[in-house]
C-alpha atoms as a PDB file:
ATOM      1  CA  MET A   1      -0.032   0.000   0.072  1.00  0.00           C
ATOM      2  CA  ASN A   2       1.480   3.311  -1.009  1.00  0.00           C
ATOM      3  CA  THR A   3       0.756   6.724   0.463  1.00  0.00           C
ATOM      4  CA  ALA A   4      -2.027   7.469  -2.165  1.00  0.00           C
ATOM      5  CA  GLU A   5      -3.687   4.216  -1.307  1.00  0.00           C
ATOM      6  CA  MET A   6      -3.485   5.166   2.402  1.00  0.00           C
ATOM      7  CA  PHE A   7      -5.515   8.272   1.787  1.00  0.00           C
ATOM      8  CA  SER A   8      -8.000   6.198  -0.327  1.00  0.00           C
ATOM      9  CA  LEU A   9      -8.277   3.743   2.539  1.00  0.00           C
ATOM     10  CA  THR A  10      -9.030   6.568   4.929  1.00  0.00           C
ATOM     11  CA  GLN A  11     -11.852   7.830   2.682  1.00  0.00           C
ATOM     12  CA  LYS A  12     -13.294   4.332   2.324  1.00  0.00           C
ATOM     13  CA  MET A  13     -13.230   3.898   6.056  1.00  0.00           C
ATOM     14  CA  GLU A  14     -15.062   7.137   6.705  1.00  0.00           C
ATOM     15  CA  LYS A  15     -17.675   6.023   4.153  1.00  0.00           C
ATOM     16  CA  SER A  16     -17.995   2.552   5.609  1.00  0.00           C
ATOM     17  CA  TRP A  17     -18.468   3.561   9.263  1.00  0.00           C
ATOM     18  CA  ASP A  18     -21.744   1.993  10.563  1.00  0.00           C
ATOM     19  CA  ASN A  19     -24.686   4.101  11.471  1.00  0.00           C
ATOM     20  CA  GLU A  20     -23.880   4.049  15.187  1.00  0.00           C
ATOM     21  CA  PHE A  21     -20.281   5.110  14.678  1.00  0.00           C
ATOM     22  CA  GLN A  22     -21.297   7.768  12.143  1.00  0.00           C
ATOM     23  CA  GLU A  23     -23.652   9.327  14.748  1.00  0.00           C
ATOM     24  CA  LEU A  24     -20.721   9.471  17.192  1.00  0.00           C
ATOM     25  CA  VAL A  25     -18.426  11.027  14.608  1.00  0.00           C
ATOM     26  CA  LYS A  26     -20.971  13.624  13.609  1.00  0.00           C
ATOM     27  CA  ALA A  27     -21.000  15.024  17.123  1.00  0.00           C
ATOM     28  CA  LEU A  28     -17.148  15.466  17.131  1.00  0.00           C
ATOM     29  CA  PRO A  29     -15.263  18.678  16.233  1.00  0.00           C
ATOM     30  CA  LYS A  30     -13.396  18.166  12.981  1.00  0.00           C
ATOM     31  CA  GLU A  31     -10.389  19.780  11.298  1.00  0.00           C
ATOM     32  CA  ASP A  32      -8.324  19.156   8.213  1.00  0.00           C
ATOM     33  CA  GLY A  33      -5.319  17.108   8.924  1.00  0.00           C
ATOM     34  CA  TRP A  34      -1.711  18.056   7.975  1.00  0.00           C
ATOM     35  CA  ILE A  35      -1.457  15.277   5.439  1.00  0.00           C
ATOM     36  CA  GLY A  36      -4.939  15.540   4.066  1.00  0.00           C
ATOM     37  CA  SER A  37      -7.392  13.310   5.958  1.00  0.00           C
ATOM     38  CA  HIS A  38      -9.527  14.579   8.793  1.00  0.00           C
ATOM     39  CA  LEU A  39      -8.756  15.006  12.470  1.00  0.00           C
ATOM     40  CA  TYR A  40     -11.591  14.397  14.991  1.00  0.00           C
ATOM     41  CA  PHE A  41     -11.378  15.700  18.573  1.00  0.00           C
ATOM     42  CA  TYR A  42     -12.235  12.755  20.755  1.00  0.00           C
ATOM     43  CA  GLN A  43     -11.500  12.249  24.412  1.00  0.00           C
ATOM     44  CA  GLY A  44      -9.415  15.383  24.569  1.00  0.00           C
ATOM     45  CA  PHE A  45      -7.154  14.761  21.629  1.00  0.00           C
ATOM     46  CA  TRP A  46      -7.107  15.012  17.836  1.00  0.00           C
ATOM     47  CA  CYS A  47      -7.446  11.636  16.378  1.00  0.00           C
ATOM     48  CA  PRO A  48      -6.656  10.889  12.749  1.00  0.00           C
ATOM     49  CA  ALA A  49      -9.673   9.595  10.766  1.00  0.00           C
ATOM     50  CA  LEU A  50      -7.613   6.599   9.680  1.00  0.00           C
ATOM     51  CA  VAL A  51      -7.261   5.231  13.252  1.00  0.00           C
ATOM     52  CA  LEU A  52     -10.342   6.593  15.017  1.00  0.00           C
ATOM     53  CA  LYS A  53     -12.292   3.365  14.911  1.00  0.00           C
ATOM     54  CA  SER A  54      -9.206   1.225  15.550  1.00  0.00           C
ATOM     55  CA  PHE A  55      -8.216   3.362  18.513  1.00  0.00           C
ATOM     56  CA  ILE A  56     -11.764   2.807  19.893  1.00  0.00           C
ATOM     57  CA  SER A  57     -11.437  -0.953  19.348  1.00  0.00           C
ATOM     58  CA  PHE A  58      -8.035  -0.950  21.022  1.00  0.00           C
ATOM     59  CA  GLN A  59      -9.293   1.043  24.011  1.00  0.00           C
ATOM     60  CA  LYS A  60     -12.331  -1.251  24.420  1.00  0.00           C
ATOM     61  CA  ASN A  61     -10.916  -4.680  23.569  1.00  0.00           C
ATOM     62  CA  PHE A  62      -7.226  -4.686  24.529  1.00  0.00           C
ATOM     63  CA  GLN A  63      -6.454  -7.072  27.463  1.00  0.00           C
ATOM     64  CA  ALA A  64      -3.109  -6.319  28.909  1.00  0.00           C
ATOM     65  CA  PHE A  65      -0.844  -8.998  30.477  1.00  0.00           C
ATOM     66  CA  ALA A  66       1.034  -8.054  33.621  1.00  0.00           C
ATOM     67  CA  SER A  67       4.254  -8.685  31.602  1.00  0.00           C
ATOM     68  CA  ASP A  68       3.338  -6.495  28.683  1.00  0.00           C
ATOM     69  CA  VAL A  69       5.653  -3.628  27.648  1.00  0.00           C
ATOM     70  CA  ILE A  70       4.014  -0.599  26.050  1.00  0.00           C
ATOM     71  CA  LEU A  71       6.126   1.968  24.175  1.00  0.00           C
ATOM     72  CA  ALA A  72       4.125   5.226  24.220  1.00  0.00           C
ATOM     73  CA  THR A  73       5.273   8.202  22.228  1.00  0.00           C
ATOM     74  CA  PHE A  74       4.155  11.469  20.720  1.00  0.00           C
ATOM     75  CA  PRO A  75       4.624  11.410  16.839  1.00  0.00           C
ATOM     76  CA  LYS A  76       8.141  12.597  15.714  1.00  0.00           C
ATOM     77  CA  CYS A  77       9.667  12.246  19.218  1.00  0.00           C
ATOM     78  CA  GLY A  78      12.007   9.289  18.702  1.00  0.00           C
ATOM     79  CA  THR A  79       9.482   6.524  18.179  1.00  0.00           C
ATOM     80  CA  THR A  80      11.585   4.540  15.645  1.00  0.00           C
ATOM     81  CA  TRP A  81      14.732   4.770  17.770  1.00  0.00           C
ATOM     82  CA  LEU A  82      13.047   3.715  20.975  1.00  0.00           C
ATOM     83  CA  LYS A  83      11.484   0.761  19.243  1.00  0.00           C
ATOM     84  CA  ALA A  84      14.870  -0.418  18.046  1.00  0.00           C
ATOM     85  CA  LEU A  85      16.554   0.151  21.458  1.00  0.00           C
ATOM     86  CA  ALA A  86      13.693  -1.591  23.445  1.00  0.00           C
ATOM     87  CA  TYR A  87      13.370  -4.537  21.051  1.00  0.00           C
ATOM     88  CA  ILE A  88      17.115  -5.397  20.918  1.00  0.00           C
ATOM     89  CA  THR A  89      17.513  -4.919  24.636  1.00  0.00           C
ATOM     90  CA  LEU A  90      14.448  -6.860  25.751  1.00  0.00           C
ATOM     91  CA  TYR A  91      14.867  -9.756  23.453  1.00  0.00           C
ATOM     92  CA  ARG A  92      18.708  -9.867  23.107  1.00  0.00           C
ATOM     93  CA  SER A  93      18.928 -13.474  24.577  1.00  0.00           C
ATOM     94  CA  HIS A  94      16.781 -14.815  21.753  1.00  0.00           C
ATOM     95  CA  PHE A  95      19.173 -14.298  18.866  1.00  0.00           C
ATOM     96  CA  ALA A  96      22.929 -14.343  18.236  1.00  0.00           C
ATOM     97  CA  ARG A  97      24.640 -10.891  18.054  1.00  0.00           C
ATOM     98  CA  ASP A  98      25.390 -11.451  14.292  1.00  0.00           C
ATOM     99  CA  GLU A  99      21.692 -12.204  13.562  1.00  0.00           C
ATOM    100  CA  ASN A 100      20.288  -8.915  14.708  1.00  0.00           C
ATOM    101  CA  PRO A 101      16.593  -8.621  13.475  1.00  0.00           C
ATOM    102  CA  LEU A 102      17.104  -4.946  12.695  1.00  0.00           C
ATOM    103  CA  LEU A 103      19.234  -6.065   9.730  1.00  0.00           C
ATOM    104  CA  SER A 104      16.165  -7.552   7.944  1.00  0.00           C
ATOM    105  CA  SER A 105      13.122  -5.866   9.464  1.00  0.00           C
ATOM    106  CA  SER A 106      12.265  -2.241  10.268  1.00  0.00           C
ATOM    107  CA  PRO A 107      11.656  -1.177  13.941  1.00  0.00           C
ATOM    108  CA  HIS A 108       8.079  -0.688  13.070  1.00  0.00           C
ATOM    109  CA  GLN A 109       7.771  -4.224  11.792  1.00  0.00           C
ATOM    110  CA  LEU A 110       9.437  -5.553  14.958  1.00  0.00           C
ATOM    111  CA  VAL A 111       7.334  -3.486  17.416  1.00  0.00           C
ATOM    112  CA  ARG A 112       3.961  -2.914  15.991  1.00  0.00           C
ATOM    113  CA  PHE A 113       1.545  -0.059  16.616  1.00  0.00           C
ATOM    114  CA  LEU A 114      -1.744  -1.018  18.247  1.00  0.00           C
ATOM    115  CA  GLU A 115      -3.933   1.650  16.688  1.00  0.00           C
ATOM    116  CA  TYR A 116      -2.073   2.163  13.417  1.00  0.00           C
ATOM    117  CA  ASP A 117      -1.439  -1.520  12.602  1.00  0.00           C
ATOM    118  CA  LEU A 118      -2.838  -4.321  14.789  1.00  0.00           C
ATOM    119  CA  TYR A 119      -6.341  -2.978  15.311  1.00  0.00           C
ATOM    120  CA  LEU A 120      -6.595  -1.130  12.037  1.00  0.00           C
ATOM    121  CA  ASN A 121      -8.688  -3.653  10.192  1.00  0.00           C
ATOM    122  CA  ASN A 122      -9.637  -6.017  13.043  1.00  0.00           C
ATOM    123  CA  PRO A 123     -11.277  -5.175  16.321  1.00  0.00           C
ATOM    124  CA  PHE A 124      -9.963  -8.544  17.731  1.00  0.00           C
ATOM    125  CA  PRO A 125      -6.436  -9.090  16.340  1.00  0.00           C
ATOM    126  CA  ASP A 126      -4.328 -12.060  17.119  1.00  0.00           C
ATOM    127  CA  LEU A 127      -1.989 -10.300  19.526  1.00  0.00           C
ATOM    128  CA  GLN A 128      -0.215 -13.435  20.667  1.00  0.00           C
ATOM    129  CA  ASN A 129       1.235 -14.052  17.220  1.00  0.00           C
ATOM    130  CA  ALA A 130       1.899 -10.393  16.684  1.00  0.00           C
ATOM    131  CA  CYS A 131       4.976 -10.548  18.873  1.00  0.00           C
ATOM    132  CA  ALA A 132       7.947 -12.972  18.078  1.00  0.00           C
ATOM    133  CA  TYR A 133       8.890 -13.330  21.820  1.00  0.00           C
ATOM    134  CA  GLU A 134       7.627 -12.819  25.306  1.00  0.00           C
ATOM    135  CA  PRO A 135       6.999 -10.539  27.041  1.00  0.00           C
ATOM    136  CA  ARG A 136       4.813  -8.821  24.465  1.00  0.00           C
ATOM    137  CA  LEU A 137       6.009  -5.533  23.200  1.00  0.00           C
ATOM    138  CA  PHE A 138       3.663  -3.034  21.517  1.00  0.00           C
ATOM    139  CA  ALA A 139       3.632   0.659  20.612  1.00  0.00           C
ATOM    140  CA  THR A 140       1.074   3.500  20.653  1.00  0.00           C
ATOM    141  CA  HIS A 141       0.682   7.194  20.256  1.00  0.00           C
ATOM    142  CA  VAL A 142      -2.528   7.319  22.445  1.00  0.00           C
ATOM    143  CA  PRO A 143      -2.516   9.699  25.387  1.00  0.00           C
ATOM    144  CA  TYR A 144      -2.237   8.215  28.874  1.00  0.00           C
ATOM    145  CA  ALA A 145      -5.788   9.241  29.890  1.00  0.00           C
ATOM    146  CA  SER A 146      -7.161   7.233  26.892  1.00  0.00           C
ATOM    147  CA  LEU A 147      -5.187   4.062  27.289  1.00  0.00           C
ATOM    148  CA  PRO A 148      -7.179   1.030  28.029  1.00  0.00           C
ATOM    149  CA  THR A 149      -7.763   0.524  31.692  1.00  0.00           C
ATOM    150  CA  SER A 150      -6.244  -2.904  31.479  1.00  0.00           C
ATOM    151  CA  ILE A 151      -2.941  -1.197  30.833  1.00  0.00           C
ATOM    152  CA  THR A 152      -3.183   1.566  33.369  1.00  0.00           C
ATOM    153  CA  ASP A 153      -4.550  -0.649  36.006  1.00  0.00           C
ATOM    154  CA  SER A 154      -2.371  -3.758  35.539  1.00  0.00           C
ATOM    155  CA  ASN A 155       1.310  -4.429  36.257  1.00  0.00           C
ATOM    156  CA  SER A 156       2.297  -3.914  32.611  1.00  0.00           C
ATOM    157  CA  LYS A 157       5.008  -1.370  32.012  1.00  0.00           C
ATOM    158  CA  ILE A 158       5.088   1.727  29.911  1.00  0.00           C
ATOM    159  CA  VAL A 159       8.139   3.483  28.399  1.00  0.00           C
ATOM    160  CA  TYR A 160       7.408   6.987  27.216  1.00  0.00           C
ATOM    161  CA  ILE A 161       9.657   9.262  25.205  1.00  0.00           C
ATOM    162  CA  CYS A 162       9.161  12.965  24.516  1.00  0.00           C
ATOM    163  CA  ARG A 163      11.170  15.604  22.652  1.00  0.00           C
ATOM    164  CA  ASN A 164      11.450  19.426  22.888  1.00  0.00           C
ATOM    165  CA  PRO A 165       8.403  20.823  21.124  1.00  0.00           C
ATOM    166  CA  LEU A 166      10.410  23.140  18.805  1.00  0.00           C
ATOM    167  CA  ASP A 167      12.345  20.241  17.151  1.00  0.00           C
ATOM    168  CA  MET A 168       9.168  18.022  17.230  1.00  0.00           C
ATOM    169  CA  PHE A 169       7.181  20.761  15.355  1.00  0.00           C
ATOM    170  CA  ILE A 170       9.813  21.003  12.631  1.00  0.00           C
ATOM    171  CA  SER A 171      10.108  17.254  12.305  1.00  0.00           C
ATOM    172  CA  LEU A 172       6.313  16.998  12.163  1.00  0.00           C
ATOM    173  CA  TRP A 173       5.926  19.678   9.625  1.00  0.00           C
ATOM    174  CA  LEU A 174       8.592  18.356   7.204  1.00  0.00           C
ATOM    175  CA  PHE A 175       7.347  14.777   7.541  1.00  0.00           C
ATOM    176  CA  SER A 176       3.741  15.867   6.797  1.00  0.00           C
ATOM    177  CA  THR A 177       4.966  17.895   3.760  1.00  0.00           C
ATOM    178  CA  LYS A 178       6.459  14.731   2.282  1.00  0.00           C
ATOM    179  CA  LEU A 179       3.266  12.873   2.749  1.00  0.00           C
ATOM    180  CA  ARG A 180       0.676  15.531   1.961  1.00  0.00           C
ATOM    181  CA  GLU A 181      -1.803  14.630  -0.735  1.00  0.00           C
ATOM    182  CA  ASN A 182      -0.789  15.601  -4.213  1.00  0.00           C
ATOM    183  CA  ASN A 183      -4.036  17.450  -4.973  1.00  0.00           C
ATOM    184  CA  LEU A 184      -3.511  19.764  -1.880  1.00  0.00           C
ATOM    185  CA  ARG A 185      -1.163  22.744  -1.947  1.00  0.00           C
ATOM    186  CA  PRO A 186       1.741  22.464   0.430  1.00  0.00           C
ATOM    187  CA  LEU A 187       1.094  23.576   4.009  1.00  0.00           C
ATOM    188  CA  SER A 188       3.066  26.716   4.589  1.00  0.00           C
ATOM    189  CA  PRO A 189       5.282  27.192   7.611  1.00  0.00           C
ATOM    190  CA  ASP A 190       2.961  29.872   8.902  1.00  0.00           C
ATOM    191  CA  GLU A 191      -0.120  27.589   8.586  1.00  0.00           C
ATOM    192  CA  ALA A 192       1.631  24.597  10.089  1.00  0.00           C
ATOM    193  CA  PHE A 193       2.843  26.845  12.999  1.00  0.00           C
ATOM    194  CA  ASP A 194      -0.631  28.108  13.669  1.00  0.00           C
ATOM    195  CA  LYS A 195      -2.065  24.664  13.803  1.00  0.00           C
ATOM    196  CA  PHE A 196       0.699  23.541  15.966  1.00  0.00           C
ATOM    197  CA  TYR A 197       0.429  26.426  18.378  1.00  0.00           C
ATOM    198  CA  HIS A 198      -3.311  25.589  18.830  1.00  0.00           C
ATOM    199  CA  GLY A 199      -2.697  21.889  19.269  1.00  0.00           C
ATOM    200  CA  ILE A 200      -4.398  20.727  15.990  1.00  0.00           C
ATOM    201  CA  TYR A 201      -2.351  17.802  14.834  1.00  0.00           C
ATOM    202  CA  ALA A 202      -2.444  14.023  15.099  1.00  0.00           C
ATOM    203  CA  PHE A 203      -2.714  13.077  18.830  1.00  0.00           C
ATOM    204  CA  GLY A 204      -2.307  16.696  19.971  1.00  0.00           C
ATOM    205  CA  PRO A 205      -2.285  18.844  21.892  1.00  0.00           C
ATOM    206  CA  PHE A 206       1.454  17.970  22.537  1.00  0.00           C
ATOM    207  CA  PHE A 207       1.657  19.490  26.107  1.00  0.00           C
ATOM    208  CA  GLU A 208      -1.367  17.623  27.297  1.00  0.00           C
ATOM    209  CA  HIS A 209       0.003  14.398  25.984  1.00  0.00           C
ATOM    210  CA  VAL A 210       3.420  14.832  27.492  1.00  0.00           C
ATOM    211  CA  LEU A 211       2.109  15.963  30.837  1.00  0.00           C
ATOM    212  CA  GLY A 212      -0.254  13.087  31.111  1.00  0.00           C
ATOM    213  CA  TYR A 213       2.587  10.581  30.956  1.00  0.00           C
ATOM    214  CA  TRP A 214       4.922  12.802  32.984  1.00  0.00           C
ATOM    215  CA  LYS A 215       2.538  13.128  35.924  1.00  0.00           C
ATOM    216  CA  ALA A 216       1.623   9.486  35.813  1.00  0.00           C
ATOM    217  CA  SER A 217       5.378   8.548  35.871  1.00  0.00           C
ATOM    218  CA  ARG A 218       5.994  10.700  38.911  1.00  0.00           C
ATOM    219  CA  GLU A 219       3.055   8.988  40.638  1.00  0.00           C
ATOM    220  CA  ASN A 220       4.187   5.491  39.644  1.00  0.00           C
ATOM    221  CA  PRO A 221       7.824   5.505  38.532  1.00  0.00           C
ATOM    222  CA  ASN A 222       8.044   1.595  38.795  1.00  0.00           C
ATOM    223  CA  LYS A 223       5.279   1.393  36.022  1.00  0.00           C
ATOM    224  CA  ILE A 224       6.261   4.322  33.746  1.00  0.00           C
ATOM    225  CA  LEU A 225       9.755   5.148  32.483  1.00  0.00           C
ATOM    226  CA  PHE A 226       9.781   8.704  31.189  1.00  0.00           C
ATOM    227  CA  LEU A 227      12.683   9.503  28.799  1.00  0.00           C
ATOM    228  CA  LYS A 228      13.671  12.655  26.930  1.00  0.00           C
ATOM    229  CA  TYR A 229      14.939  12.456  23.419  1.00  0.00           C
ATOM    230  CA  GLU A 230      17.665  15.011  24.184  1.00  0.00           C
ATOM    231  CA  ASP A 231      19.019  13.194  27.245  1.00  0.00           C
ATOM    232  CA  LEU A 232      19.025   9.894  25.241  1.00  0.00           C
ATOM    233  CA  MET A 233      21.029  11.573  22.538  1.00  0.00           C
ATOM    234  CA  GLU A 234      23.439  12.975  25.016  1.00  0.00           C
ATOM    235  CA  ASP A 235      24.271   9.786  26.813  1.00  0.00           C
ATOM    236  CA  THR A 236      22.695   6.791  25.091  1.00  0.00           C
ATOM    237  CA  ASN A 237      24.737   4.193  26.980  1.00  0.00           C
ATOM    238  CA  SER A 238      23.566   5.271  30.406  1.00  0.00           C
ATOM    239  CA  HIS A 239      19.972   5.582  29.381  1.00  0.00           C
ATOM    240  CA  LEU A 240      20.061   2.121  27.661  1.00  0.00           C
ATOM    241  CA  LYS A 241      21.325   0.578  30.982  1.00  0.00           C
ATOM    242  CA  LYS A 242      18.461   2.373  32.705  1.00  0.00           C
ATOM    243  CA  LEU A 243      15.983   1.062  30.117  1.00  0.00           C
ATOM    244  CA  SER A 244      17.324  -2.455  30.676  1.00  0.00           C
ATOM    245  CA  MET A 245      16.957  -2.273  34.414  1.00  0.00           C
ATOM    246  CA  PHE A 246      13.326  -1.009  34.028  1.00  0.00           C
ATOM    247  CA  LEU A 247      12.522  -3.793  31.674  1.00  0.00           C
ATOM    248  CA  GLY A 248      13.848  -6.355  34.112  1.00  0.00           C
ATOM    249  CA  VAL A 249      16.690  -7.438  31.770  1.00  0.00           C
ATOM    250  CA  PRO A 250      19.719  -5.671  33.135  1.00  0.00           C
ATOM    251  CA  PHE A 251      23.090  -6.101  31.353  1.00  0.00           C
ATOM    252  CA  THR A 252      25.302  -8.616  33.071  1.00  0.00           C
ATOM    253  CA  GLU A 253      28.866  -7.966  34.121  1.00  0.00           C
ATOM    254  CA  ASP A 254      29.996 -10.191  31.265  1.00  0.00           C
ATOM    255  CA  GLU A 255      27.899  -8.333  28.762  1.00  0.00           C
ATOM    256  CA  GLU A 256      29.333  -5.039  29.977  1.00  0.00           C
ATOM    257  CA  LYS A 257      32.880  -6.514  29.539  1.00  0.00           C
ATOM    258  CA  GLN A 258      32.034  -7.758  26.056  1.00  0.00           C
ATOM    259  CA  GLY A 259      30.930  -4.257  24.938  1.00  0.00           C
ATOM    260  CA  VAL A 260      27.265  -5.281  24.387  1.00  0.00           C
ATOM    261  CA  VAL A 261      25.836  -1.939  25.463  1.00  0.00           C
ATOM    262  CA  PRO A 262      27.852   0.271  22.975  1.00  0.00           C
ATOM    263  CA  GLU A 263      27.176  -2.398  20.385  1.00  0.00           C
ATOM    264  CA  ILE A 264      23.443  -2.036  20.782  1.00  0.00           C
ATOM    265  CA  VAL A 265      23.735   1.751  20.841  1.00  0.00           C
ATOM    266  CA  LYS A 266      25.661   1.714  17.638  1.00  0.00           C
ATOM    267  CA  MET A 267      23.286  -0.758  15.897  1.00  0.00           C
ATOM    268  CA  CYS A 268      20.280   1.321  16.921  1.00  0.00           C
ATOM    269  CA  SER A 269      21.770   4.687  16.205  1.00  0.00           C
ATOM    270  CA  PHE A 270      19.917   7.046  13.858  1.00  0.00           C
ATOM    271  CA  GLU A 271      22.882   6.986  11.392  1.00  0.00           C
ATOM    272  CA  ASN A 272      23.044   3.128  11.179  1.00  0.00           C
ATOM    273  CA  LEU A 273      19.272   2.617  11.045  1.00  0.00           C
ATOM    274  CA  LYS A 274      18.982   5.172   8.237  1.00  0.00           C
ATOM    275  CA  GLU A 275      21.586   3.426   6.085  1.00  0.00           C
ATOM    276  CA  LEU A 276      20.140  -0.177   6.465  1.00  0.00           C
ATOM    277  CA  GLU A 277      18.692  -1.389   3.244  1.00  0.00           C
ATOM    278  CA  VAL A 278      15.446  -2.501   4.893  1.00  0.00           C
ATOM    279  CA  ASN A 279      14.850   1.123   6.019  1.00  0.00           C
ATOM    280  CA  LYS A 280      15.474   2.553   2.640  1.00  0.00           C
ATOM    281  CA  LYS A 281      12.643   0.600   1.026  1.00  0.00           C
ATOM    282  CA  GLY A 282       9.302  -0.901   1.875  1.00  0.00           C
ATOM    283  CA  LEU A 283       6.223   0.516   3.570  1.00  0.00           C
ATOM    284  CA  HIS A 284       4.814   0.823   7.078  1.00  0.00           C
ATOM    285  CA  ALA A 285       1.441  -0.820   7.729  1.00  0.00           C
ATOM    286  CA  SER A 286      -0.192   2.645   7.353  1.00  0.00           C
ATOM    287  CA  GLY A 287       1.306   2.994   3.870  1.00  0.00           C
ATOM    288  CA  ILE A 288       4.138   5.425   4.835  1.00  0.00           C
ATOM    289  CA  PRO A 289       7.530   4.619   3.215  1.00  0.00           C
ATOM    290  CA  ASN A 290      10.049   3.376   5.814  1.00  0.00           C
ATOM    291  CA  ALA A 291      12.549   5.888   4.543  1.00  0.00           C
ATOM    292  CA  ASP A 292      10.352   8.791   5.510  1.00  0.00           C
ATOM    293  CA  PHE A 293      10.727   7.965   9.238  1.00  0.00           C
ATOM    294  CA  PHE A 294      14.320   9.160   9.072  1.00  0.00           C
ATOM    295  CA  ARG A 295      15.410  12.759   8.539  1.00  0.00           C
ATOM    296  CA  LYS A 296      18.132  14.306  10.667  1.00  0.00           C
ATOM    297  CA  GLY A 297      17.389  13.233  14.255  1.00  0.00           C
ATOM    298  CA  GLU A 298      19.407  16.231  15.499  1.00  0.00           C
ATOM    299  CA  VAL A 299      18.838  18.312  18.618  1.00  0.00           C
ATOM    300  CA  GLY A 300      18.326  21.998  17.993  1.00  0.00           C
ATOM    301  CA  ASP A 301      17.544  21.774  14.192  1.00  0.00           C
ATOM    302  CA  TRP A 302      14.606  24.110  14.871  1.00  0.00           C
ATOM    303  CA  SER A 303      17.081  27.036  14.821  1.00  0.00           C
ATOM    304  CA  ASN A 304      17.405  26.408  11.039  1.00  0.00           C
ATOM    305  CA  HIS A 305      13.758  26.862  10.358  1.00  0.00           C
ATOM    306  CA  LEU A 306      11.840  28.885  13.011  1.00  0.00           C
ATOM    307  CA  THR A 307      11.672  32.691  12.916  1.00  0.00           C
ATOM    308  CA  PRO A 308      12.545  34.656  16.106  1.00  0.00           C
ATOM    309  CA  SER A 309       8.862  35.527  16.546  1.00  0.00           C
ATOM    310  CA  MET A 310       7.873  31.826  16.335  1.00  0.00           C
ATOM    311  CA  VAL A 311      10.573  30.919  18.932  1.00  0.00           C
ATOM    312  CA  GLU A 312       9.278  33.666  21.210  1.00  0.00           C
ATOM    313  CA  ARG A 313       5.639  32.512  20.957  1.00  0.00           C
ATOM    314  CA  LEU A 314       6.593  28.938  21.569  1.00  0.00           C
ATOM    315  CA  GLU A 315       8.744  29.724  24.574  1.00  0.00           C
ATOM    316  CA  LYS A 316       5.827  31.595  26.052  1.00  0.00           C
ATOM    317  CA  LEU A 317       3.562  28.718  25.424  1.00  0.00           C
ATOM    318  CA  ILE A 318       5.984  26.237  26.937  1.00  0.00           C
ATOM    319  CA  GLN A 319       6.146  28.617  30.017  1.00  0.00           C
ATOM    320  CA  GLU A 320       2.343  28.600  30.218  1.00  0.00           C
ATOM    321  CA  LYS A 321       1.778  24.836  29.775  1.00  0.00           C
ATOM    322  CA  LEU A 322       4.664  23.551  31.816  1.00  0.00           C
ATOM    323  CA  ASN A 323       4.593  26.009  34.675  1.00  0.00           C
ATOM    324  CA  ASN A 324       4.932  24.235  38.104  1.00  0.00           C
ATOM    325  CA  SER A 325       4.969  20.838  36.448  1.00  0.00           C
ATOM    326  CA  GLY A 326       8.686  20.149  37.116  1.00  0.00           C
ATOM    327  CA  LEU A 327       9.271  19.305  33.505  1.00  0.00           C
ATOM    328  CA  THR A 328      11.934  20.954  31.501  1.00  0.00           C
ATOM    329  CA  PHE A 329      13.126  20.732  27.895  1.00  0.00           C
ATOM    330  CA  LYS A 330      16.624  20.968  26.481  1.00  0.00           C
ATOM    331  CA  LEU A 331      16.176  23.121  23.253  1.00  0.00           C
ATOM    332  CA  SER A 332      19.673  22.549  21.772  1.00  0.00           C
ATOM    333  CA  SER A 333      22.806  20.400  21.956  1.00  0.00           C
ATOM    334  CA  LYS A 334      24.421  23.115  23.977  1.00  0.00           C
ATOM    335  CA  THR A 335      23.948  22.484  27.647  1.00  0.00           C
ATOM    336  CA  SER A 336      23.327  26.223  28.285  1.00  0.00           C
ATOM    337  CA  ARG A 337      20.037  26.156  26.286  1.00  0.00           C
ATOM    338  CA  ILE A 338      17.627  24.489  28.637  1.00  0.00           C
ATOM    339  CA  PHE A 339      14.138  25.816  29.093  1.00  0.00           C
ATOM    340  CA  HIS A 340      13.032  25.905  32.703  1.00  0.00           C
ATOM    341  CA  PRO A 341       9.409  26.974  33.218  1.00  0.00           C
ATOM    342  CA  SER A 342       8.939  28.738  36.563  1.00  0.00           C
ATOM    343  CA  GLU A 343       8.516  26.494  39.452  1.00  0.00           C
END
């Protein structure tokens, strides 16, 4: 399925919704999406039309196991990287070091999305066979407040990664520009910025999404590991060890001596993943080319795109949204550029 077919599928899905579902949708606020399909405001976030029904099926029908691991992310915040790191770390005992699954499968094939993949065409997918090993490992973009209660109320674990909103916005805009329907004019930087500022994008608003997981992680740190893209970029080795401890598969002394940690870091690095043949071709289940999930992966690239007035508005927005939350964002690779909302 190519990108054009993805849009066609979205249109067919909207037309094929049953009467009861159509009545629900009619009552929802609706906006044009960045790529072309509609966004519906449901349960406090903007849900893409493509996954609205599958999200509801996931929320209603998913039964978590106590051993499950859920990778939760906001779009364009390091999802592909986290999938690679978590998969290899969690399952490393199942394959030889020279038989790394990342060499033949994309991270999105190895760790499948619940709403964008498994539940997309089936309200009751075969989840047992969706994972090659145990414990089960899945991914989602769904906000914490809208996760199935079987996840939030069980002993399953959640790993969340966020990114500074300036870089996330630029990554989202450029990603959407690549995929935007051909019959639509490009979304200008000003138009994209306005939508972003008002929280109108897939799974937005960003700050509500991030704060939902941030607050939950502070209340229950044994259940939710909260990571920041910038911290992971700065010291991947230490954070990979932290991830392994959280997942219950800490690196042994022998593994440390053998250099397993830096080996995994190198294998899962943005530069390496981008150059693997499997990530240069093929499509994600949603129809998006695998290659489109890789751009720069840099911290602070926003400075090459945002105007001073845009930066000023976003910094004020960060101040307003994160005030007294305890959450800070590093805005560039220079340690001096860290945004601290007032406590």
